[in-house]
Amino acid sequence: MITKAKEKTQIKVITGNAAAATAAKLACPDVVAAYPITPQTEIIEQISKFHANGEMDCELITVEGENSAMNAVTAASLAGGRVFTATSSWGLVFMYDAVLAAAGSRAPIVMVNVNRETPGIIAVSSGQQDMISTRDAGWIFLIAEDCQEVLDLVLQAYRLAEDYDIQVPVMVHYDGFYLSYLSEGVDVPFQEDVDTFLSVLKDQPQRTKLTPGEGLGCGSHGILGGYLELRHKHVSAMERSKEKFDQIDKEYEQIFGRAYGGQIEEYRMDDADVVLVGSGSMCGTIKTVIDEKREAGIKVGLLKMRMFRPFPGEVMVESLKGKKAIGVVDRSLNFGHKGGPFYTELKSFETKFEGSPMVSFIDGVANTDITTANVATMIDTICDLAAGKEVPEVTWVSYPEANDPDSAKVGGQ
């Protein structure tokens, strides 16, 4: 992250959930509808408090379940309102049909998903499996590393979702139990600055709006070529969102003094020989270990994914070209494939990396912590791969029993 000193700041020590709620308040939504679920509940509690105190002038709908929450904000969004909701894990699963409908309707919703596992064995534990279960729903996905980025990404999400050339719902993800309850110093923007940042949306052509006495049709079933046209336009809008997000990040820096790099953030990548690719809260730990490895003379860097849908393959290719070896850390599983979801998607671009070998690391699943020792092990493995040694293609870092020595190997020419 690039930061520039500002004349006015207001630093508050708040949790990641409070940062999300504060960003929602600053965006001044017309309608908020949500249902509590661990570890997201604090967001709704904070918003309820803002609403009760008169700090948040919105229609707050306390629904009976997550499916109703998504249907409520979809209807309000399609009627022309600015909306917000939040969920996690099984709550995201419960609203799945409505999530699909919202995307198909091109409703510019902003929703926070506090990542939590959705396993067959019911558990309350951290992991990004809920995000992976909805990756092809047609939403734009953004991932935050720390509490500051949670707040910043929610505000950037409104600029992205409501942009006239995009109009696609956006989900902001961050790691449950790590960022949700972590308290950090967060630079909370002033309302007038947020109003300036979002004012660009008022100068664009107006999107569909419900007007009393006039008809409005939403969610009509397309047939034959018409349906294909809608799908193609949706896919095209998501592709346009990549460049748009880069632009929004730069404009955010001009007003708030913070920039992250858009779709990806690079850390010590300029002269790196080997690279770890990660996302979310693990990146702070990875940066710490990279600094230690650098002191030992190992040229390692981090490529942090801030955007996951649409997949930022083009900018990742440019960042990774010429590297001697690449490791991808996944906090979720890719059932039916070897390696994690991020790994398999990036591997589809492998021919463009000019022969840089890749390996997959599974860690941080079901509440296993991505420790500094684990990250050091990952970096050592990538260095071995760069040196031509044989290493497992997939390593379950916190579950060594899964790492069969007879599994497929890469490298070792």
Protein backbone atom coordinates (compact mmCIF):
# COMPACT_ATOMS: atom_id res chain seq x y z
CA MET A 1 0.00 0.00 0.00
CA ILE A 2 1.19 3.50 -0.85
CA THR A 3 0.31 6.17 1.71
CA LYS A 4 0.78 9.91 1.57
CA ALA A 5 0.59 12.25 4.55
CA LYS A 6 -2.68 14.16 4.79
CA GLU A 7 -3.46 17.38 6.58
CA LYS A 8 -6.56 15.93 8.25
CA THR A 9 -6.86 12.41 9.59
CA GLN A 10 -9.01 10.68 12.16
CA ILE A 11 -7.47 7.42 13.32
CA LYS A 12 -9.76 5.09 15.21
CA VAL A 13 -8.94 1.67 16.66
CA ILE A 14 -11.75 -0.53 15.36
CA THR A 15 -12.35 -4.09 14.22
CA GLY A 16 -12.57 -5.21 10.62
CA ASN A 17 -16.32 -5.60 11.05
CA ALA A 18 -16.60 -2.07 12.43
CA ALA A 19 -14.53 -0.82 9.49
CA ALA A 20 -17.01 -2.40 7.08
CA ALA A 21 -19.98 -0.92 8.93
CA THR A 22 -18.32 2.50 9.05
CA ALA A 23 -17.65 2.42 5.31
CA ALA A 24 -21.28 1.51 4.68
CA LYS A 25 -22.38 4.46 6.81
CA LEU A 26 -20.07 6.82 4.92
CA ALA A 27 -21.50 5.62 1.58
CA CYS A 28 -24.98 6.76 2.71
CA PRO A 29 -27.06 3.84 1.39
CA ASP A 30 -30.82 4.15 0.98
CA VAL A 31 -31.55 0.59 2.08
CA VAL A 32 -29.69 -1.87 4.32
CA ALA A 33 -31.03 -5.39 4.79
CA ALA A 34 -29.14 -8.12 6.58
CA TYR A 35 -29.29 -11.03 8.97
CA PRO A 36 -26.68 -11.83 11.65
CA ILE A 37 -24.32 -14.79 11.31
CA THR A 38 -20.92 -15.48 12.86
CA PRO A 39 -18.45 -13.84 12.29
CA GLN A 40 -20.34 -11.10 10.43
CA THR A 41 -22.88 -10.23 13.14
CA GLU A 42 -20.95 -7.23 14.47
CA ILE A 43 -21.43 -5.41 11.16
CA ILE A 44 -25.20 -5.49 11.55
CA GLU A 45 -24.94 -4.58 15.22
CA GLN A 46 -22.83 -1.54 14.37
CA ILE A 47 -25.16 -0.45 11.58
CA SER A 48 -28.18 -0.90 13.86
CA LYS A 49 -26.45 1.34 16.39
CA PHE A 50 -25.67 3.98 13.75
CA HIS A 51 -29.29 3.85 12.60
CA ALA A 52 -30.72 4.09 16.14
CA ASN A 53 -28.47 7.04 16.96
CA GLY A 54 -29.51 8.92 13.84
CA GLU A 55 -26.03 8.67 12.32
CA MET A 56 -27.27 6.60 9.38
CA ASP A 57 -30.31 7.79 7.45
CA CYS A 58 -31.47 4.67 5.66
CA GLU A 59 -34.25 2.11 5.55
CA LEU A 60 -32.95 -0.67 7.79
CA ILE A 61 -34.76 -3.95 7.15
CA THR A 62 -34.26 -6.63 9.81
CA VAL A 63 -35.21 -9.68 7.78
CA GLU A 64 -35.88 -13.25 8.87
CA GLY A 65 -33.04 -14.75 6.86
CA GLU A 66 -30.24 -14.14 4.39
CA ASN A 67 -32.29 -15.04 1.33
CA SER A 68 -34.75 -12.29 2.18
CA ALA A 69 -31.88 -9.87 2.76
CA MET A 70 -30.54 -10.40 -0.75
CA ASN A 71 -33.99 -10.17 -2.34
CA ALA A 72 -34.69 -6.95 -0.45
CA VAL A 73 -31.51 -5.17 -1.52
CA THR A 74 -31.86 -6.45 -5.09
CA ALA A 75 -35.34 -4.94 -5.37
CA ALA A 76 -34.19 -1.67 -3.81
CA SER A 77 -31.16 -1.52 -6.09
CA LEU A 78 -33.18 -2.16 -9.23
CA ALA A 79 -35.56 0.60 -8.14
CA GLY A 80 -32.60 3.00 -8.20
CA GLY A 81 -31.44 2.98 -4.59
CA ARG A 82 -27.98 2.54 -3.09
CA VAL A 83 -27.88 -0.59 -0.95
CA PHE A 84 -25.70 -2.58 1.42
CA THR A 85 -25.80 -6.01 3.01
CA ALA A 86 -23.41 -8.43 4.67
CA THR A 87 -23.19 -12.15 5.29
CA SER A 88 -20.88 -15.10 5.85
CA SER A 89 -20.55 -18.80 5.15
CA TRP A 90 -23.90 -20.63 5.36
CA GLY A 91 -25.66 -17.27 5.10
CA LEU A 92 -24.10 -16.82 1.66
CA VAL A 93 -25.19 -20.35 0.76
CA PHE A 94 -28.75 -19.68 1.95
CA MET A 95 -29.06 -16.66 -0.36
CA TYR A 96 -27.39 -18.41 -3.31
CA ASP A 97 -30.42 -18.35 -5.64
CA ALA A 98 -30.95 -14.66 -4.88
CA VAL A 99 -27.22 -14.00 -5.41
CA LEU A 100 -27.56 -15.43 -8.91
CA ALA A 101 -30.69 -13.40 -9.59
CA ALA A 102 -29.02 -10.19 -8.41
CA ALA A 103 -26.10 -10.72 -10.76
CA GLY A 104 -28.32 -11.64 -13.69
CA SER A 105 -30.35 -8.49 -13.10
CA ARG A 106 -27.13 -6.41 -13.05
CA ALA A 107 -28.13 -4.90 -9.70
CA PRO A 108 -25.20 -2.74 -8.43
CA ILE A 109 -25.24 -4.13 -4.89
CA VAL A 110 -22.33 -3.90 -2.46
CA MET A 111 -22.13 -6.82 -0.04
CA VAL A 112 -19.50 -7.80 2.50
CA ASN A 113 -18.79 -11.50 2.97
CA VAL A 114 -16.76 -12.34 6.06
CA ASN A 115 -15.04 -15.53 4.92
CA ARG A 116 -15.82 -18.71 6.85
CA GLU A 117 -15.72 -22.38 5.93
CA THR A 118 -18.80 -24.08 4.46
CA PRO A 119 -17.80 -27.74 4.88
CA GLY A 120 -19.99 -30.80 4.85
CA ILE A 121 -19.02 -31.24 8.51
CA ILE A 122 -20.54 -28.15 10.07
CA ALA A 123 -17.87 -26.02 11.70
CA VAL A 124 -17.29 -22.44 12.73
CA SER A 125 -13.82 -21.87 11.35
CA SER A 126 -11.88 -19.58 9.05
CA GLY A 127 -11.30 -20.25 5.38
CA GLN A 128 -12.28 -18.89 1.97
CA GLN A 129 -14.45 -21.82 0.86
CA ASP A 130 -17.64 -19.74 0.95
CA MET A 131 -16.10 -17.32 -1.53
CA ILE A 132 -15.03 -20.15 -3.82
CA SER A 133 -18.53 -21.68 -3.75
CA THR A 134 -19.93 -18.52 -5.38
CA ARG A 135 -17.05 -17.50 -7.65
CA ASP A 136 -19.06 -18.12 -10.84
CA ALA A 137 -22.24 -16.37 -9.71
CA GLY A 138 -21.49 -13.28 -11.81
CA TRP A 139 -20.35 -10.96 -9.02
CA ILE A 140 -17.13 -8.95 -8.85
CA PHE A 141 -14.96 -10.19 -5.95
CA LEU A 142 -12.51 -8.02 -4.00
CA ILE A 143 -10.35 -9.27 -1.09
CA ALA A 144 -8.99 -7.17 1.81
CA GLU A 145 -5.76 -7.74 3.73
CA ASP A 146 -6.32 -5.61 6.84
CA CYS A 147 -8.91 -3.46 8.58
CA GLN A 148 -7.90 -0.32 6.67
CA GLU A 149 -8.32 -2.09 3.37
CA VAL A 150 -11.73 -3.40 4.45
CA LEU A 151 -12.97 0.17 4.80
CA ASP A 152 -11.27 1.36 1.63
CA LEU A 153 -12.50 -1.55 -0.48
CA VAL A 154 -16.13 -1.08 0.55
CA LEU A 155 -15.98 2.55 -0.59
CA GLN A 156 -14.20 1.60 -3.81
CA ALA A 157 -16.82 -1.12 -4.37
CA TYR A 158 -19.58 1.48 -4.64
CA ARG A 159 -17.66 3.37 -7.31
CA LEU A 160 -17.18 0.10 -9.18
CA ALA A 161 -20.65 -1.44 -8.83
CA GLU A 162 -22.57 1.74 -9.63
CA ASP A 163 -20.37 2.86 -12.52
CA TYR A 164 -22.63 3.22 -15.55
CA ASP A 165 -20.26 1.14 -17.69
CA ILE A 166 -20.13 -1.69 -15.12
CA GLN A 167 -23.38 -2.10 -13.10
CA VAL A 168 -22.43 -5.47 -11.62
CA PRO A 169 -22.80 -6.39 -7.92
CA VAL A 170 -19.61 -6.41 -5.87
CA MET A 171 -18.69 -8.66 -2.94
CA VAL A 172 -15.94 -7.50 -0.58
CA HIS A 173 -14.32 -10.46 1.19
CA TYR A 174 -12.12 -10.60 4.27
CA ASP A 175 -10.98 -13.42 6.54
CA GLY A 176 -13.37 -14.23 9.36
CA PHE A 177 -12.02 -14.52 12.91
CA TYR A 178 -8.78 -12.87 11.78
CA LEU A 179 -9.90 -9.51 10.39
CA SER A 180 -13.50 -9.59 11.58
CA TYR A 181 -12.51 -9.32 15.26
CA LEU A 182 -9.03 -7.82 14.89
CA SER A 183 -8.72 -4.25 16.17
CA GLU A 184 -6.33 -1.98 14.30
CA GLY A 185 -5.77 1.70 13.78
CA VAL A 186 -7.92 2.75 10.82
CA ASP A 187 -7.86 6.14 9.14
CA VAL A 188 -11.59 6.85 8.87
CA PRO A 189 -12.32 9.28 6.02
CA PHE A 190 -14.27 12.46 6.56
CA GLN A 191 -17.79 12.45 5.16
CA GLU A 192 -17.12 15.35 2.80
CA ASP A 193 -14.20 13.47 1.24
CA VAL A 194 -16.30 10.35 0.71
CA ASP A 195 -19.04 12.49 -0.81
CA THR A 196 -16.47 13.93 -3.23
CA PHE A 197 -15.18 10.47 -4.15
CA LEU A 198 -18.68 9.14 -4.85
CA SER A 199 -19.97 12.32 -6.50
CA VAL A 200 -18.60 11.12 -9.85
CA LEU A 201 -21.51 8.67 -9.99
CA LYS A 202 -24.01 11.55 -10.03
CA ASP A 203 -22.51 12.91 -13.25
CA GLN A 204 -23.11 9.67 -15.17
CA PRO A 205 -26.24 8.71 -17.10
CA GLN A 206 -28.91 7.62 -14.66
CA ARG A 207 -29.51 3.91 -14.31
CA THR A 208 -32.96 2.35 -14.14
CA LYS A 209 -35.12 4.01 -11.49
CA LEU A 210 -38.59 3.29 -10.13
CA THR A 211 -40.90 6.23 -10.74
CA PRO A 212 -44.40 6.24 -9.20
CA GLY A 213 -47.06 5.86 -11.87
CA GLU A 214 -44.66 4.44 -14.46
CA GLY A 215 -44.01 0.79 -15.30
CA LEU A 216 -40.70 -0.90 -14.59
CA GLY A 217 -39.77 -4.44 -15.59
CA CYS A 218 -36.83 -6.27 -14.01
CA GLY A 219 -35.57 -9.83 -14.24
CA SER A 220 -37.52 -10.74 -17.36
CA HIS A 221 -36.55 -14.11 -18.79
CA GLY A 222 -34.47 -13.76 -21.93
CA ILE A 223 -35.02 -16.22 -24.76
CA LEU A 224 -32.70 -17.49 -27.47
CA GLY A 225 -30.46 -14.70 -28.77
CA GLY A 226 -31.75 -12.18 -26.24
CA TYR A 227 -30.52 -14.25 -23.33
CA LEU A 228 -27.13 -14.73 -24.97
CA GLU A 229 -26.89 -10.99 -25.52
CA LEU A 230 -27.51 -10.30 -21.83
CA ARG A 231 -24.93 -12.88 -20.79
CA HIS A 232 -22.34 -11.50 -23.19
CA LYS A 233 -22.88 -7.96 -21.96
CA HIS A 234 -22.52 -9.15 -18.37
CA VAL A 235 -19.22 -10.91 -19.11
CA SER A 236 -17.99 -7.86 -21.03
CA ALA A 237 -18.85 -5.54 -18.13
CA MET A 238 -16.85 -7.71 -15.76
CA GLU A 239 -13.86 -7.58 -18.09
CA ARG A 240 -14.16 -3.79 -18.21
CA SER A 241 -14.19 -3.72 -14.42
CA LYS A 242 -10.48 -4.67 -14.33
CA GLU A 243 -9.24 -1.44 -15.85
CA LYS A 244 -11.97 0.52 -14.09
CA PHE A 245 -10.84 -0.80 -10.71
CA ASP A 246 -7.25 0.27 -11.43
CA GLN A 247 -8.53 3.73 -12.27
CA ILE A 248 -10.68 3.94 -9.13
CA ASP A 249 -7.69 2.98 -6.98
CA LYS A 250 -5.68 5.87 -8.44
CA GLU A 251 -8.52 8.34 -7.88
CA TYR A 252 -8.87 7.07 -4.33
CA GLU A 253 -5.24 7.95 -3.70
CA GLN A 254 -5.79 11.52 -4.89
CA ILE A 255 -8.48 12.10 -2.26
CA PHE A 256 -7.51 9.83 0.64
CA GLY A 257 -3.74 9.40 0.19
CA ARG A 258 -3.88 5.59 -0.07
CA ALA A 259 -3.32 3.38 -3.11
CA TYR A 260 -2.95 -0.38 -3.33
CA GLY A 261 -2.20 -1.05 -6.99
CA GLY A 262 -5.66 -1.87 -8.29
CA GLN A 263 -6.25 -5.51 -9.21
CA ILE A 264 -3.02 -6.68 -7.57
CA GLU A 265 -0.54 -5.32 -5.06
CA GLU A 266 3.17 -6.05 -5.49
CA TYR A 267 5.56 -6.30 -2.56
CA ARG A 268 9.32 -6.38 -3.27
CA MET A 269 8.66 -7.78 -6.72
CA ASP A 270 11.03 -5.67 -8.83
CA ASP A 271 14.11 -7.84 -8.34
CA ALA A 272 12.46 -10.99 -6.97
CA ASP A 273 13.66 -14.35 -8.25
CA VAL A 274 10.87 -16.33 -6.59
CA VAL A 275 7.32 -15.27 -5.74
CA LEU A 276 4.49 -16.19 -3.41
CA VAL A 277 0.97 -15.39 -4.61
CA GLY A 278 -1.55 -14.85 -1.81
CA SER A 279 -4.65 -12.96 -0.74
CA GLY A 280 -6.30 -11.58 2.36
CA SER A 281 -4.93 -11.48 5.89
CA MET A 282 -2.13 -13.97 5.17
CA CYS A 283 -0.32 -11.29 3.19
CA GLY A 284 0.76 -9.38 6.29
CA THR A 285 2.48 -12.51 7.59
CA ILE A 286 3.99 -13.20 4.18
CA LYS A 287 5.47 -9.68 4.01
CA THR A 288 7.09 -10.14 7.43
CA VAL A 289 8.77 -13.39 6.38
CA ILE A 290 9.82 -11.91 3.03
CA ASP A 291 11.65 -9.13 4.87
CA GLU A 292 13.47 -11.73 6.98
CA LYS A 293 14.37 -13.81 3.92
CA ARG A 294 15.62 -10.69 2.15
CA GLU A 295 18.02 -10.04 5.05
CA ALA A 296 19.32 -13.57 4.45
CA GLY A 297 19.94 -12.74 0.80
CA ILE A 298 16.93 -14.53 -0.70
CA LYS A 299 15.18 -12.46 -3.36
CA VAL A 300 11.53 -13.27 -2.78
CA GLY A 301 8.45 -11.16 -3.44
CA LEU A 302 4.70 -11.20 -2.90
CA LEU A 303 1.96 -10.78 -5.47
CA LYS A 304 -1.26 -10.05 -3.56
CA MET A 305 -4.57 -10.61 -5.33
CA ARG A 306 -7.03 -7.83 -4.48
CA MET A 307 -9.46 -8.78 -7.26
CA PHE A 308 -10.47 -12.39 -7.79
CA ARG A 309 -13.51 -12.01 -10.05
CA PRO A 310 -12.93 -11.21 -12.79
CA PHE A 311 -9.63 -13.06 -12.60
CA PRO A 312 -6.76 -10.54 -13.03
CA GLY A 313 -4.71 -12.91 -15.18
CA GLU A 314 -3.26 -10.29 -17.54
CA VAL A 315 -1.69 -8.11 -14.85
CA MET A 316 -0.52 -11.18 -12.95
CA VAL A 317 1.25 -12.46 -16.05
CA GLU A 318 3.08 -9.16 -16.45
CA SER A 319 4.12 -9.22 -12.79
CA LEU A 320 5.29 -12.86 -12.85
CA LYS A 321 7.14 -12.98 -16.15
CA GLY A 322 10.77 -14.03 -15.84
CA LYS A 323 10.52 -15.31 -12.28
CA LYS A 324 12.42 -18.51 -11.53
CA ALA A 325 9.59 -20.15 -9.57
CA ILE A 326 6.11 -19.31 -8.31
CA GLY A 327 4.12 -20.61 -5.33
CA VAL A 328 0.40 -19.96 -4.88
CA VAL A 329 -1.19 -20.08 -1.43
CA ASP A 330 -4.87 -21.06 -1.24
CA ARG A 331 -7.08 -20.86 1.82
CA SER A 332 -9.68 -23.10 0.18
CA LEU A 333 -9.99 -26.35 -1.73
CA ASN A 334 -10.64 -27.01 -5.39
CA PHE A 335 -12.57 -30.27 -5.37
CA GLY A 336 -11.92 -32.24 -8.57
CA HIS A 337 -8.54 -30.58 -9.27
CA LYS A 338 -5.05 -30.87 -7.89
CA GLY A 339 -4.10 -27.70 -6.12
CA GLY A 340 -6.11 -24.79 -4.79
CA PRO A 341 -8.54 -22.60 -6.78
CA PHE A 342 -6.16 -19.65 -7.21
CA TYR A 343 -3.42 -22.02 -8.27
CA THR A 344 -5.47 -23.81 -10.92
CA GLU A 345 -6.78 -20.56 -12.37
CA LEU A 346 -3.33 -18.99 -12.53
CA LYS A 347 -1.93 -22.21 -13.99
CA SER A 348 -4.16 -21.70 -17.04
CA PHE A 349 -1.84 -18.75 -17.87
CA GLU A 350 1.31 -20.79 -17.26
CA THR A 351 2.45 -20.77 -20.90
CA LYS A 352 2.72 -16.98 -20.71
CA PHE A 353 5.15 -17.04 -17.77
CA GLU A 354 8.04 -17.99 -20.06
CA GLY A 355 8.58 -21.34 -18.37
CA SER A 356 8.39 -20.33 -14.70
CA PRO A 357 7.39 -23.49 -12.77
CA MET A 358 4.52 -23.27 -10.30
CA VAL A 359 3.50 -25.10 -7.13
CA SER A 360 0.40 -25.03 -4.93
CA PHE A 361 0.21 -24.59 -1.16
CA ILE A 362 -2.95 -25.37 0.82
CA ASP A 363 -2.97 -23.69 4.22
CA GLY A 364 -5.21 -21.71 6.54
CA VAL A 365 -8.14 -24.07 5.94
CA ALA A 366 -10.57 -24.86 8.77
CA ASN A 367 -8.91 -22.49 11.23
CA THR A 368 -5.34 -23.68 10.70
CA ASP A 369 -3.15 -20.62 11.04
CA ILE A 370 -0.79 -19.45 8.31
CA THR A 371 2.21 -18.93 10.57
CA THR A 372 5.57 -17.35 9.86
CA ALA A 373 7.11 -20.84 10.06
CA ASN A 374 4.64 -22.10 7.44
CA VAL A 375 5.41 -19.20 5.13
CA ALA A 376 9.16 -19.80 5.54
CA THR A 377 8.60 -23.44 4.55
CA MET A 378 6.71 -22.34 1.45
CA ILE A 379 9.49 -19.97 0.41
CA ASP A 380 12.13 -22.66 0.98
CA THR A 381 10.12 -25.02 -1.25
CA ILE A 382 9.89 -22.42 -4.02
CA CYS A 383 13.62 -21.82 -3.79
CA ASP A 384 14.23 -25.56 -4.13
CA LEU A 385 12.00 -25.57 -7.22
CA ALA A 386 13.93 -22.63 -8.68
CA ALA A 387 17.16 -24.56 -8.09
CA GLY A 388 15.86 -27.48 -10.16
CA LYS A 389 15.02 -29.80 -7.29
CA GLU A 390 11.94 -32.02 -7.29
CA VAL A 391 9.18 -30.80 -5.00
CA PRO A 392 5.51 -31.84 -4.64
CA GLU A 393 3.17 -29.99 -6.96
CA VAL A 394 0.71 -29.61 -4.08
CA THR A 395 1.70 -29.22 -0.41
CA TRP A 396 -0.78 -29.26 2.47
CA VAL A 397 1.39 -27.15 4.74
CA SER A 398 -0.39 -27.75 8.06
CA TYR A 399 -1.27 -31.36 7.31
CA PRO A 400 1.99 -33.12 6.37
CA GLU A 401 0.28 -36.53 6.35
CA ALA A 402 -1.39 -35.53 3.08
CA ASN A 403 1.93 -34.94 1.34
CA ASP A 404 2.53 -38.37 -0.15
CA PRO A 405 6.16 -38.65 -1.30
CA ASP A 406 4.95 -40.54 -4.36
CA SER A 407 2.68 -37.71 -5.48
CA ALA A 408 3.30 -35.89 -8.76
CA LYS A 409 6.52 -33.89 -8.90
CA VAL A 410 7.48 -30.75 -10.76
CA GLY A 411 10.93 -29.37 -11.47
CA GLY A 412 14.07 -31.48 -11.09
CA GLN A 413 15.19 -31.26 -14.69
